[in-house]
Amino acid sequence: MAVTLSARQAGSTSPRAVALSGGLHPVGVFFLLAGAFLPIMDFFITNVALPSIDASLHASASELELVIAGYGVAYAALLVLGGRLGDRLGRHRVFLAALVGFVVASAVCGFAPTVGVLIAARIVQGATAALLVPQVLATFHHTLEHERKARALALYGATSGIAAVVGQLVGGLLVGADIAGTSWRPIFLVNVPIGLVVLLVATRIVPDTRSDHPVGIDLPGTVLFAATLTAVLVPLTEGHSLGWPWWTWAMIAVAVVLGAVTFLVERSAEQRGEIPLLPPSLLRLPSMSRGLVMVFAFSIGFGAFMFVFALTVQDGLHVDALHGGLAILPMAVLFFLGSVFAPRVIGRFGRAALSGGAVLQLAGLAALVVVVVSDWPHVSLWAMAVPLALAGAGQSMLFAGLFRSVLADVPTHLGGVGSGVLITLQQSGLALGVATLGTLYLTRAEHSTAHAFATVEGVQMGIIALLAIGVAALSRFTAAASDAPLLDA
C-alpha cells in the first residue's frame, strides 16, 4: 500500500527519513528519474557517433544498425521480466544491481576493441537497462498517491522523450570534443561516474518495496517474445547489406509463426489462472488496446527520425559530430518546455491538446523536409532550427498524452505489469523503426541522401497524421482525471 505523504510533508522531512518510513521524497523521485534517464538516453546517444564508430572499428552499415537495434531488442524483450523480478526480490535491490550491471557494460562499450565486442556489450547494456527501468515506475506506483503519482508519471514520460533528444546533443558534444583522442568512447564512459553517483545516493534515499503478491516469472513467454523480436529485427537489419539472402526471408516467416505461438501460450497461461508476460485480458482494456497501438506507431517514427537525422546531417552534409549534436538542440529545448506544461494543457483541453500537438509536429516535419530537399546540399543548420523546434513542441504534447492514456484503466494489482507492457512496446517500436525505416533510408541514400530523408519523413508524417485523428478514440482527459490515481482501479 502506498505511503501517504503530501508534497509539503515530504519536503519538510529528510530524504533518508522518508525512505526509512517507506515513502519517497521528491529528491528520491529525481534520482530514480536520473537512473531511468541513462538507459533511455543510451539508446539514442549512439546515433551521432555512428560515423566515428564506423571509422574507428570499420563497421558495416548493418553492424552499425545492430549497435542500436541490439540494445533495443534486449531492452524490450526483458522489460516485463525486470518488473516481475523487482516485485519478487525487492525493487530497491534489483534497481541497484541492475545499475551496477549497466555501469560495467557501459565501461566495456567504452573500451571495446572491435565492433563485435561493442555489439555484445550493447546487448548486455540493454538487458541491464530492462531490469533497471521498471523499478522506477513500480516504486512510483507503490509509494506515491494522487497528484504526486500523476506528476511523477508525467515527469517520467517527459524524461523518456527528453533523454532521447538530449542523448544526441550530448553525444555530439562528447564526440566533437574528442577527449584525449578517444573519439566516440566517452559517450559510453560518461555513464560510469553518473551511474555511480546515482547508485550511492539511491542506496540511502530510495525505499525498499516489493509486491505483497508477486507475479510468477513467465519464462516460456519471455523466451518466445525475445525470439520473436530477434527473428523480426535481425533480417530487417542485416537483409539490405547482405542482398536479402534466403535465410532472411526464412527468419521473417519464422517470426510470424513464433508470434502466433507466443499468443497461444500467453492465452493458455492466463486461462490457467496465471499472469503471463503479455496478458491478453490486459491488452483488451480500452486504454491499453488503443493507446499501445498509438505508442508503438509513434515510437517507430521517432526512433527512425533520430537515426536518419543524425546520418543525414553527418554523412550527407558532412557536419562534424559536435555540430550534428547541436543541430538537434532546438528540438530538445522545445521538447523540454512542452513536457513541463503538457500535464496542465492536457488537463484543460483534453484530447484536443494531443491532436494539436500532432498537427504541430506534422507542420515542423513538413517544413524540415522542404528545407532539406530545396537547399540540398547547402542546407544551413540554422534553417532547420525552427522546423525542429515546432516538431519538438508538438511531439512533447503527443508523447505525454499517449503515455498517460495507456495506463488509465490498469488496476492497481497489475500496475507493474501494465507499465512493463507499455515500455516493452515503446522500445520494440524504437528498435523496429531503426531496423525498417533505417534500412529504407540506407537503401535510398545510395542514390540521394536528401530524398532518402524525405522518404522516411514522409512515412513518419503519415503516422503522425493518423495519430492526430486516432486520439479521438482515447479516454477523455479532464482536470479532475489528472488529479486521480492513474493506476488505481
Protein backbone atom coordinates (compact mmCIF):
# COMPACT_ATOMS: atom_id res chain seq x y z
CA MET A 1 0.00 0.00 0.00
CA ALA A 2 1.34 3.43 -0.86
CA VAL A 3 2.61 5.61 1.99
CA THR A 4 0.52 8.78 2.11
CA LEU A 5 2.78 11.81 2.30
CA SER A 6 1.82 15.19 0.93
CA ALA A 7 4.36 17.12 -1.09
CA ARG A 8 4.72 19.55 1.83
CA GLN A 9 5.30 16.75 4.35
CA ALA A 10 7.83 15.04 2.11
CA GLY A 11 9.63 18.31 1.51
CA SER A 12 9.92 19.08 5.24
CA THR A 13 11.44 15.68 6.11
CA SER A 14 14.89 14.42 5.12
CA PRO A 15 15.02 12.06 2.10
CA ARG A 16 16.60 9.36 4.27
CA ALA A 17 13.87 9.58 6.91
CA VAL A 18 11.12 9.42 4.30
CA ALA A 19 12.74 6.34 2.72
CA LEU A 20 13.03 4.60 6.10
CA SER A 21 9.32 5.19 6.66
CA GLY A 22 8.56 3.57 3.30
CA GLY A 23 7.85 6.79 1.42
CA LEU A 24 9.58 8.55 -1.47
CA HIS A 25 10.97 12.07 -1.07
CA PRO A 26 10.98 14.42 -4.10
CA VAL A 27 14.77 14.05 -4.14
CA GLY A 28 14.24 10.30 -4.37
CA VAL A 29 11.92 10.87 -7.33
CA PHE A 30 14.68 12.89 -9.00
CA PHE A 31 17.34 10.21 -8.56
CA LEU A 32 15.04 7.44 -9.73
CA LEU A 33 14.33 9.52 -12.84
CA ALA A 34 18.10 10.02 -13.25
CA GLY A 35 18.53 6.25 -13.11
CA ALA A 36 15.89 5.83 -15.82
CA PHE A 37 17.35 8.70 -17.87
CA LEU A 38 20.69 6.96 -18.51
CA PRO A 39 19.36 3.81 -20.23
CA ILE A 40 16.84 5.77 -22.32
CA MET A 41 19.49 8.30 -23.35
CA ASP A 42 21.87 5.49 -24.22
CA PHE A 43 19.56 4.18 -26.93
CA PHE A 44 19.91 7.48 -28.79
CA ILE A 45 23.32 8.84 -27.77
CA THR A 46 24.96 6.38 -30.14
CA ASN A 47 23.27 7.83 -33.24
CA VAL A 48 25.62 10.79 -33.67
CA ALA A 49 28.64 8.58 -33.01
CA LEU A 50 27.90 6.06 -35.78
CA PRO A 51 30.22 7.65 -38.39
CA SER A 52 33.02 7.82 -35.80
CA ILE A 53 32.44 4.20 -34.77
CA ASP A 54 32.50 3.23 -38.44
CA ALA A 55 35.81 5.00 -38.99
CA SER A 56 37.35 3.60 -35.81
CA LEU A 57 36.15 -0.01 -35.87
CA HIS A 58 35.48 -0.39 -39.64
CA ALA A 59 31.87 -1.43 -39.07
CA SER A 60 29.45 -2.22 -41.88
CA ALA A 61 26.09 -0.45 -42.22
CA SER A 62 24.25 -3.48 -40.82
CA GLU A 63 26.67 -3.69 -37.86
CA LEU A 64 26.01 -0.04 -37.10
CA GLU A 65 22.27 -0.76 -37.07
CA LEU A 66 22.89 -3.68 -34.71
CA VAL A 67 24.72 -1.35 -32.32
CA ILE A 68 21.35 0.44 -31.98
CA ALA A 69 18.86 -2.38 -32.52
CA GLY A 70 20.73 -4.98 -30.42
CA TYR A 71 20.36 -2.73 -27.40
CA GLY A 72 16.70 -2.13 -28.19
CA VAL A 73 15.83 -5.82 -28.62
CA ALA A 74 17.41 -6.86 -25.30
CA TYR A 75 15.77 -3.90 -23.60
CA ALA A 76 12.30 -4.61 -24.98
CA ALA A 77 12.42 -8.39 -24.52
CA LEU A 78 13.34 -8.34 -20.83
CA LEU A 79 11.42 -5.31 -19.51
CA VAL A 80 8.42 -7.19 -18.13
CA LEU A 81 10.72 -9.83 -16.63
CA GLY A 82 12.62 -6.99 -14.93
CA GLY A 83 9.41 -5.68 -13.41
CA ARG A 84 8.48 -9.08 -12.05
CA LEU A 85 11.92 -9.68 -10.57
CA GLY A 86 11.58 -6.36 -8.74
CA ASP A 87 8.15 -7.34 -7.42
CA ARG A 88 9.54 -10.63 -6.13
CA LEU A 89 13.08 -9.79 -4.97
CA GLY A 90 12.60 -6.14 -3.99
CA ARG A 91 12.66 -3.15 -6.33
CA HIS A 92 15.41 -1.33 -4.46
CA ARG A 93 17.72 -4.36 -4.65
CA VAL A 94 17.05 -5.03 -8.34
CA PHE A 95 17.42 -1.31 -9.20
CA LEU A 96 20.85 -1.12 -7.57
CA ALA A 97 22.07 -4.45 -9.01
CA ALA A 98 20.89 -3.52 -12.50
CA LEU A 99 22.54 -0.10 -12.22
CA VAL A 100 25.86 -1.76 -11.35
CA GLY A 101 25.49 -4.05 -14.38
CA PHE A 102 24.64 -1.11 -16.62
CA VAL A 103 27.70 0.84 -15.46
CA VAL A 104 30.00 -2.15 -16.04
CA ALA A 105 28.53 -2.80 -19.51
CA SER A 106 28.95 0.90 -20.35
CA ALA A 107 32.64 0.69 -19.42
CA VAL A 108 33.05 -2.36 -21.69
CA CYS A 109 31.36 -0.45 -24.53
CA GLY A 110 33.72 2.47 -23.98
CA PHE A 111 36.81 0.27 -24.23
CA ALA A 112 35.50 -2.14 -26.93
CA PRO A 113 38.36 -3.08 -29.30
CA THR A 114 36.09 -4.43 -32.08
CA VAL A 115 32.57 -3.83 -33.32
CA GLY A 116 31.64 -7.38 -32.27
CA VAL A 117 32.59 -6.65 -28.65
CA LEU A 118 30.69 -3.36 -28.86
CA ILE A 119 27.51 -5.06 -30.12
CA ALA A 120 27.76 -7.74 -27.40
CA ALA A 121 28.28 -5.14 -24.68
CA ARG A 122 25.35 -3.11 -26.03
CA ILE A 123 23.12 -6.19 -25.72
CA VAL A 124 24.21 -6.55 -22.08
CA GLN A 125 23.56 -2.85 -21.59
CA GLY A 126 20.04 -3.32 -22.94
CA ALA A 127 19.43 -6.32 -20.70
CA THR A 128 20.52 -4.49 -17.53
CA ALA A 129 18.50 -1.43 -18.55
CA ALA A 130 15.46 -3.69 -18.82
CA LEU A 131 15.94 -4.73 -15.20
CA LEU A 132 16.52 -1.15 -14.03
CA VAL A 133 13.78 0.96 -15.62
CA PRO A 134 10.67 -0.97 -14.46
CA GLN A 135 11.69 -0.46 -10.83
CA VAL A 136 11.27 3.29 -11.28
CA LEU A 137 7.64 3.14 -12.37
CA ALA A 138 6.81 0.38 -9.88
CA THR A 139 8.32 2.40 -7.00
CA PHE A 140 6.29 5.44 -8.02
CA HIS A 141 3.19 3.28 -8.12
CA HIS A 142 3.85 1.79 -4.68
CA THR A 143 4.94 4.89 -2.75
CA LEU A 144 3.02 7.81 -4.30
CA GLU A 145 -0.65 8.68 -4.49
CA HIS A 146 -2.99 11.02 -6.32
CA GLU A 147 -1.40 14.20 -7.66
CA ARG A 148 2.14 13.16 -6.65
CA LYS A 149 1.78 9.93 -8.64
CA ALA A 150 0.30 11.76 -11.63
CA ARG A 151 3.12 14.29 -11.51
CA ALA A 152 5.80 11.60 -11.24
CA LEU A 153 4.34 9.67 -14.18
CA ALA A 154 4.23 12.86 -16.25
CA LEU A 155 7.86 13.56 -15.33
CA TYR A 156 8.80 10.03 -16.35
CA GLY A 157 7.11 10.49 -19.71
CA ALA A 158 8.92 13.80 -20.15
CA THR A 159 12.21 12.22 -19.08
CA SER A 160 11.81 9.49 -21.71
CA GLY A 161 11.38 11.96 -24.53
CA ILE A 162 13.95 14.47 -23.31
CA ALA A 163 16.55 11.72 -22.86
CA ALA A 164 16.11 10.75 -26.50
CA VAL A 165 16.81 14.24 -27.78
CA VAL A 166 19.46 15.17 -25.21
CA GLY A 167 21.21 11.89 -25.99
CA GLN A 168 22.05 13.06 -29.48
CA LEU A 169 23.03 16.51 -28.22
CA VAL A 170 25.38 15.16 -25.52
CA GLY A 171 26.69 12.52 -27.92
CA GLY A 172 27.62 15.20 -30.41
CA LEU A 173 29.35 17.30 -27.75
CA LEU A 174 31.38 14.35 -26.45
CA VAL A 175 32.39 13.02 -29.86
CA GLY A 176 33.21 16.52 -31.08
CA ALA A 177 35.37 17.20 -28.04
CA ASP A 178 37.50 14.13 -28.90
CA ILE A 179 38.76 13.96 -25.32
CA ALA A 180 42.37 12.75 -25.32
CA GLY A 181 41.82 11.37 -28.81
CA THR A 182 39.15 8.93 -27.62
CA SER A 183 36.62 9.93 -30.32
CA TRP A 184 33.26 8.20 -29.62
CA ARG A 185 34.23 6.27 -26.49
CA PRO A 186 33.22 8.93 -23.89
CA ILE A 187 29.55 8.59 -24.93
CA PHE A 188 29.58 5.29 -23.03
CA LEU A 189 32.17 6.09 -20.39
CA VAL A 190 30.16 9.11 -19.20
CA ASN A 191 27.63 6.65 -17.78
CA VAL A 192 30.19 5.40 -15.26
CA PRO A 193 30.57 8.47 -12.97
CA ILE A 194 26.91 9.46 -13.32
CA GLY A 195 25.75 5.92 -12.62
CA LEU A 196 27.98 5.66 -9.55
CA VAL A 197 26.59 8.92 -8.11
CA VAL A 198 23.01 7.70 -8.64
CA LEU A 199 23.96 4.35 -7.10
CA LEU A 200 25.44 5.90 -3.96
CA VAL A 201 22.55 8.31 -3.39
CA ALA A 202 19.75 5.89 -4.29
CA THR A 203 21.16 3.35 -1.83
CA ARG A 204 20.19 5.71 1.00
CA ILE A 205 17.07 7.57 -0.14
CA VAL A 206 15.02 5.10 -2.21
CA PRO A 207 12.71 2.88 -0.11
CA ASP A 208 12.82 -0.89 -0.34
CA THR A 209 9.48 -2.05 -1.72
CA ARG A 210 8.15 -5.26 -3.17
CA SER A 211 4.78 -6.70 -4.13
CA ASP A 212 2.68 -8.41 -1.44
CA HIS A 213 1.53 -10.81 -4.14
CA PRO A 214 4.38 -11.08 -6.66
CA VAL A 215 3.50 -12.38 -10.11
CA GLY A 216 5.28 -15.53 -11.27
CA ILE A 217 8.06 -15.43 -13.84
CA ASP A 218 6.68 -16.32 -17.27
CA LEU A 219 9.81 -18.00 -18.67
CA PRO A 220 8.13 -19.52 -21.79
CA GLY A 221 6.50 -16.21 -22.66
CA THR A 222 9.74 -14.28 -22.14
CA VAL A 223 11.77 -16.67 -24.32
CA LEU A 224 9.14 -16.75 -27.07
CA PHE A 225 8.73 -12.96 -27.13
CA ALA A 226 12.50 -12.42 -27.24
CA ALA A 227 12.81 -14.98 -30.05
CA THR A 228 10.01 -13.30 -32.00
CA LEU A 229 11.63 -9.86 -31.72
CA THR A 230 15.02 -11.26 -32.74
CA ALA A 231 13.55 -13.14 -35.70
CA VAL A 232 11.94 -9.91 -36.91
CA LEU A 233 14.74 -7.41 -36.34
CA VAL A 234 17.83 -9.41 -37.40
CA PRO A 235 16.73 -9.98 -41.03
CA LEU A 236 15.33 -6.45 -41.31
CA THR A 237 18.64 -5.06 -40.06
CA GLU A 238 21.01 -7.33 -41.98
CA GLY A 239 18.96 -8.03 -45.13
CA HIS A 240 19.82 -4.89 -47.11
CA SER A 241 23.60 -5.09 -46.72
CA LEU A 242 23.65 -8.83 -47.47
CA GLY A 243 21.38 -8.66 -50.53
CA TRP A 244 18.43 -10.36 -48.81
CA PRO A 245 19.64 -14.00 -48.83
CA TRP A 246 17.11 -16.79 -48.35
CA TRP A 247 17.65 -17.08 -44.59
CA THR A 248 16.45 -13.51 -44.01
CA TRP A 249 13.06 -14.35 -45.55
CA ALA A 250 13.02 -17.64 -43.64
CA MET A 251 13.55 -15.78 -40.35
CA ILE A 252 10.69 -13.39 -41.12
CA ALA A 253 8.43 -16.40 -41.75
CA VAL A 254 9.63 -17.97 -38.50
CA ALA A 255 8.85 -14.69 -36.70
CA VAL A 256 5.23 -14.89 -37.84
CA VAL A 257 4.97 -18.45 -36.52
CA LEU A 258 6.67 -17.51 -33.25
CA GLY A 259 4.30 -14.58 -32.82
CA ALA A 260 1.29 -16.86 -33.19
CA VAL A 261 2.77 -19.42 -30.78
CA THR A 262 3.51 -16.65 -28.26
CA PHE A 263 -0.12 -15.51 -28.35
CA LEU A 264 -1.43 -19.05 -27.87
CA VAL A 265 0.98 -19.77 -24.99
CA GLU A 266 0.11 -16.49 -23.26
CA ARG A 267 -3.64 -17.08 -23.64
CA SER A 268 -3.30 -20.61 -22.32
CA ALA A 269 -1.31 -19.40 -19.30
CA GLU A 270 -3.96 -16.80 -18.48
CA GLN A 271 -6.73 -19.39 -18.77
CA ARG A 272 -4.88 -21.47 -16.16
CA GLY A 273 -5.08 -18.54 -13.76
CA GLU A 274 -1.51 -17.35 -14.28
CA ILE A 275 -0.44 -13.82 -15.24
CA PRO A 276 1.63 -14.17 -18.43
CA LEU A 277 4.26 -11.80 -19.79
CA LEU A 278 1.70 -10.08 -22.06
CA PRO A 279 -1.75 -10.79 -20.54
CA PRO A 280 -4.37 -10.90 -23.33
CA SER A 281 -7.08 -9.64 -20.94
CA LEU A 282 -4.95 -6.61 -20.01
CA LEU A 283 -4.31 -5.88 -23.67
CA ARG A 284 -8.08 -5.84 -24.23
CA LEU A 285 -8.61 -2.90 -21.85
CA PRO A 286 -9.69 0.11 -23.96
CA SER A 287 -6.83 2.30 -22.74
CA MET A 288 -4.25 -0.42 -23.45
CA SER A 289 -5.58 -1.73 -26.76
CA ARG A 290 -5.89 1.73 -28.29
CA GLY A 291 -3.08 3.54 -26.54
CA LEU A 292 -0.44 0.86 -27.08
CA VAL A 293 -1.03 0.79 -30.83
CA MET A 294 -0.52 4.55 -30.91
CA VAL A 295 2.57 4.50 -28.67
CA PHE A 296 4.03 1.71 -30.83
CA ALA A 297 3.41 3.63 -34.06
CA PHE A 298 4.74 6.88 -32.57
CA SER A 299 7.90 5.08 -31.38
CA ILE A 300 8.56 3.59 -34.83
CA GLY A 301 8.57 7.06 -36.37
CA PHE A 302 10.51 8.69 -33.54
CA GLY A 303 13.22 6.02 -33.43
CA ALA A 304 13.67 6.24 -37.18
CA PHE A 305 13.81 10.05 -37.15
CA MET A 306 16.60 10.21 -34.58
CA PHE A 307 18.61 7.62 -36.53
CA VAL A 308 18.24 9.11 -40.02
CA PHE A 309 18.57 12.74 -38.92
CA ALA A 310 21.99 12.03 -37.39
CA LEU A 311 23.18 10.25 -40.56
CA THR A 312 21.72 12.93 -42.87
CA VAL A 313 23.49 15.73 -41.04
CA GLN A 314 26.84 13.98 -40.61
CA ASP A 315 27.18 11.72 -43.66
CA GLY A 316 25.09 13.83 -46.02
CA LEU A 317 26.02 17.39 -45.04
CA HIS A 318 29.48 16.37 -43.74
CA VAL A 319 28.91 18.16 -40.46
CA ASP A 320 31.07 17.05 -37.54
CA ALA A 321 29.57 15.25 -34.55
CA LEU A 322 29.66 18.38 -32.36
CA HIS A 323 27.55 20.46 -34.74
CA GLY A 324 25.45 17.41 -35.56
CA GLY A 325 24.54 17.16 -31.89
CA LEU A 326 23.93 20.90 -31.60
CA ALA A 327 21.61 20.74 -34.62
CA ILE A 328 19.07 18.86 -32.52
CA LEU A 329 19.17 21.48 -29.72
CA PRO A 330 16.03 23.39 -30.84
CA MET A 331 14.02 20.17 -30.66
CA ALA A 332 15.49 19.38 -27.22
CA VAL A 333 14.64 22.78 -25.77
CA LEU A 334 11.06 22.85 -27.06
CA PHE A 335 10.50 19.23 -26.09
CA PHE A 336 11.58 20.04 -22.54
CA LEU A 337 9.40 23.16 -22.31
CA GLY A 338 6.45 21.35 -23.84
CA SER A 339 6.83 18.46 -21.41
CA VAL A 340 6.77 20.84 -18.43
CA PHE A 341 3.42 22.32 -19.48
CA ALA A 342 1.91 19.19 -21.06
CA PRO A 343 0.08 17.84 -17.95
CA ARG A 344 -1.64 21.18 -17.36
CA VAL A 345 -2.52 21.73 -21.02
CA ILE A 346 -3.85 18.19 -21.41
CA GLY A 347 -5.88 18.57 -18.20
CA ARG A 348 -7.54 21.69 -19.60
CA PHE A 349 -8.02 20.85 -23.26
CA GLY A 350 -8.16 17.05 -23.15
CA ARG A 351 -7.70 15.07 -26.34
CA ALA A 352 -7.66 18.28 -28.39
CA ALA A 353 -4.22 19.01 -26.89
CA LEU A 354 -2.90 15.72 -28.30
CA SER A 355 -4.37 16.41 -31.74
CA GLY A 356 -2.94 19.93 -31.64
CA GLY A 357 0.48 18.54 -30.71
CA ALA A 358 0.31 16.07 -33.59
CA VAL A 359 -0.57 18.83 -36.06
CA LEU A 360 2.26 21.00 -34.74
CA GLN A 361 4.74 18.14 -35.08
CA LEU A 362 3.45 17.41 -38.57
CA ALA A 363 3.97 21.04 -39.59
CA GLY A 364 7.52 21.01 -38.21
CA LEU A 365 8.47 17.81 -40.01
CA ALA A 366 6.97 19.01 -43.30
CA ALA A 367 8.89 22.29 -43.06
CA LEU A 368 12.08 20.36 -42.26
CA VAL A 369 11.69 18.19 -45.36
CA VAL A 370 11.15 21.28 -47.54
CA VAL A 371 14.32 22.89 -46.17
CA VAL A 372 16.42 19.75 -46.68
CA VAL A 373 15.21 18.96 -50.20
CA SER A 374 15.13 22.52 -51.55
CA ASP A 375 18.51 23.63 -50.16
CA TRP A 376 20.45 20.38 -50.59
CA PRO A 377 23.47 20.04 -50.43
CA HIS A 378 23.92 23.51 -48.91
CA VAL A 379 21.47 23.16 -46.05
CA SER A 380 22.11 25.53 -43.16
CA LEU A 381 21.67 24.11 -39.68
CA TRP A 382 20.07 27.44 -38.74
CA ALA A 383 17.43 26.91 -41.43
CA MET A 384 16.43 23.66 -39.72
CA ALA A 385 16.11 25.24 -36.26
CA VAL A 386 12.51 26.49 -36.45
CA PRO A 387 11.10 23.29 -38.03
CA LEU A 388 12.88 21.20 -35.40
CA ALA A 389 11.54 23.44 -32.61
CA LEU A 390 7.97 23.04 -33.92
CA ALA A 391 8.39 19.27 -34.14
CA GLY A 392 9.81 19.10 -30.61
CA ALA A 393 6.99 21.15 -29.10
CA GLY A 394 4.32 19.11 -30.86
CA GLN A 395 5.71 15.68 -30.10
CA SER A 396 6.15 16.53 -26.39
CA MET A 397 2.41 17.06 -26.07
CA LEU A 398 1.52 13.97 -28.08
CA PHE A 399 4.02 11.76 -26.29
CA ALA A 400 2.96 12.83 -22.79
CA GLY A 401 -0.72 12.28 -23.56
CA LEU A 402 -0.27 8.87 -25.17
CA PHE A 403 1.95 7.66 -22.33
CA ARG A 404 -0.60 8.70 -19.74
CA SER A 405 -3.62 7.32 -21.57
CA VAL A 406 -2.25 3.77 -21.81
CA LEU A 407 -2.23 3.29 -18.02
CA ALA A 408 -5.59 4.95 -17.33
CA ASP A 409 -7.64 1.73 -16.92
CA VAL A 410 -4.98 -0.57 -15.47
CA PRO A 411 -5.97 -1.91 -12.00
CA THR A 412 -3.59 -1.49 -9.06
CA HIS A 413 -2.51 -5.12 -8.77
CA LEU A 414 -1.46 -5.12 -12.44
CA GLY A 415 0.23 -1.69 -12.36
CA GLY A 416 3.75 -3.11 -12.70
CA VAL A 417 2.68 -5.47 -15.48
CA GLY A 418 0.93 -2.67 -17.36
CA SER A 419 3.94 -0.36 -17.07
CA GLY A 420 6.21 -3.13 -18.31
CA VAL A 421 4.00 -3.83 -21.32
CA LEU A 422 3.93 -0.11 -22.15
CA ILE A 423 7.71 0.32 -22.10
CA THR A 424 8.17 -3.00 -23.92
CA LEU A 425 6.02 -1.84 -26.83
CA GLN A 426 7.72 1.57 -26.78
CA GLN A 427 11.20 0.08 -27.01
CA SER A 428 10.12 -2.50 -29.57
CA GLY A 429 8.82 0.34 -31.71
CA LEU A 430 12.06 2.31 -31.41
CA ALA A 431 14.13 -0.71 -32.44
CA LEU A 432 11.74 -1.59 -35.25
CA GLY A 433 11.86 1.98 -36.53
CA VAL A 434 15.65 1.81 -36.82
CA ALA A 435 15.53 -1.63 -38.47
CA THR A 436 12.79 -0.84 -41.01
CA LEU A 437 12.82 2.86 -41.82
CA GLY A 438 16.54 2.98 -41.10
CA THR A 439 17.09 0.29 -43.72
CA LEU A 440 14.80 2.17 -46.14
CA TYR A 441 16.93 5.26 -45.61
CA LEU A 442 20.22 3.42 -46.20
CA THR A 443 18.83 1.89 -49.39
CA ARG A 444 17.71 5.22 -50.87
CA ALA A 445 20.72 7.18 -49.55
CA GLU A 446 22.91 5.31 -52.06
CA HIS A 447 21.25 7.46 -54.72
CA SER A 448 20.21 10.64 -52.90
CA THR A 449 20.57 11.42 -49.21
CA ALA A 450 18.05 14.28 -49.32
CA HIS A 451 15.36 12.18 -50.96
CA ALA A 452 16.13 9.27 -48.63
CA PHE A 453 15.48 11.58 -45.68
CA ALA A 454 12.31 12.91 -47.30
CA THR A 455 11.04 9.37 -47.91
CA VAL A 456 11.48 8.28 -44.30
CA GLU A 457 9.98 11.51 -43.00
CA GLY A 458 7.05 11.05 -45.36
CA VAL A 459 6.33 7.75 -43.64
CA GLN A 460 6.67 9.35 -40.21
CA MET A 461 4.35 12.19 -41.20
CA GLY A 462 1.79 9.62 -42.32
CA ILE A 463 2.00 8.00 -38.88
CA ILE A 464 1.57 11.35 -37.10
CA ALA A 465 -1.40 12.27 -39.30
CA LEU A 466 -3.13 9.01 -38.36
CA LEU A 467 -2.39 9.66 -34.68
CA ALA A 468 -3.89 13.16 -34.92
CA ILE A 469 -7.15 11.53 -35.96
CA GLY A 470 -6.85 8.45 -33.78
CA VAL A 471 -6.58 10.28 -30.44
CA ALA A 472 -10.34 10.74 -30.61
CA ALA A 473 -10.60 7.05 -29.68
CA LEU A 474 -8.72 7.57 -26.39
CA SER A 475 -10.33 8.12 -22.99
CA ARG A 476 -11.24 11.70 -22.22
CA PHE A 477 -8.70 13.80 -20.33
CA THR A 478 -10.06 16.18 -17.73
CA ALA A 479 -8.61 18.31 -14.97
CA ALA A 480 -10.21 16.03 -12.42
CA ALA A 481 -8.71 12.98 -14.02
CA SER A 482 -5.26 14.47 -13.84
CA ASP A 483 -5.53 14.54 -10.05
CA ALA A 484 -6.78 10.98 -9.79
CA PRO A 485 -4.57 7.97 -9.06
CA LEU A 486 -3.85 6.91 -12.60
CA LEU A 487 -3.12 3.27 -11.83
CA ASP A 488 -5.75 2.58 -9.19
CA ALA A 489 -8.83 0.55 -10.01
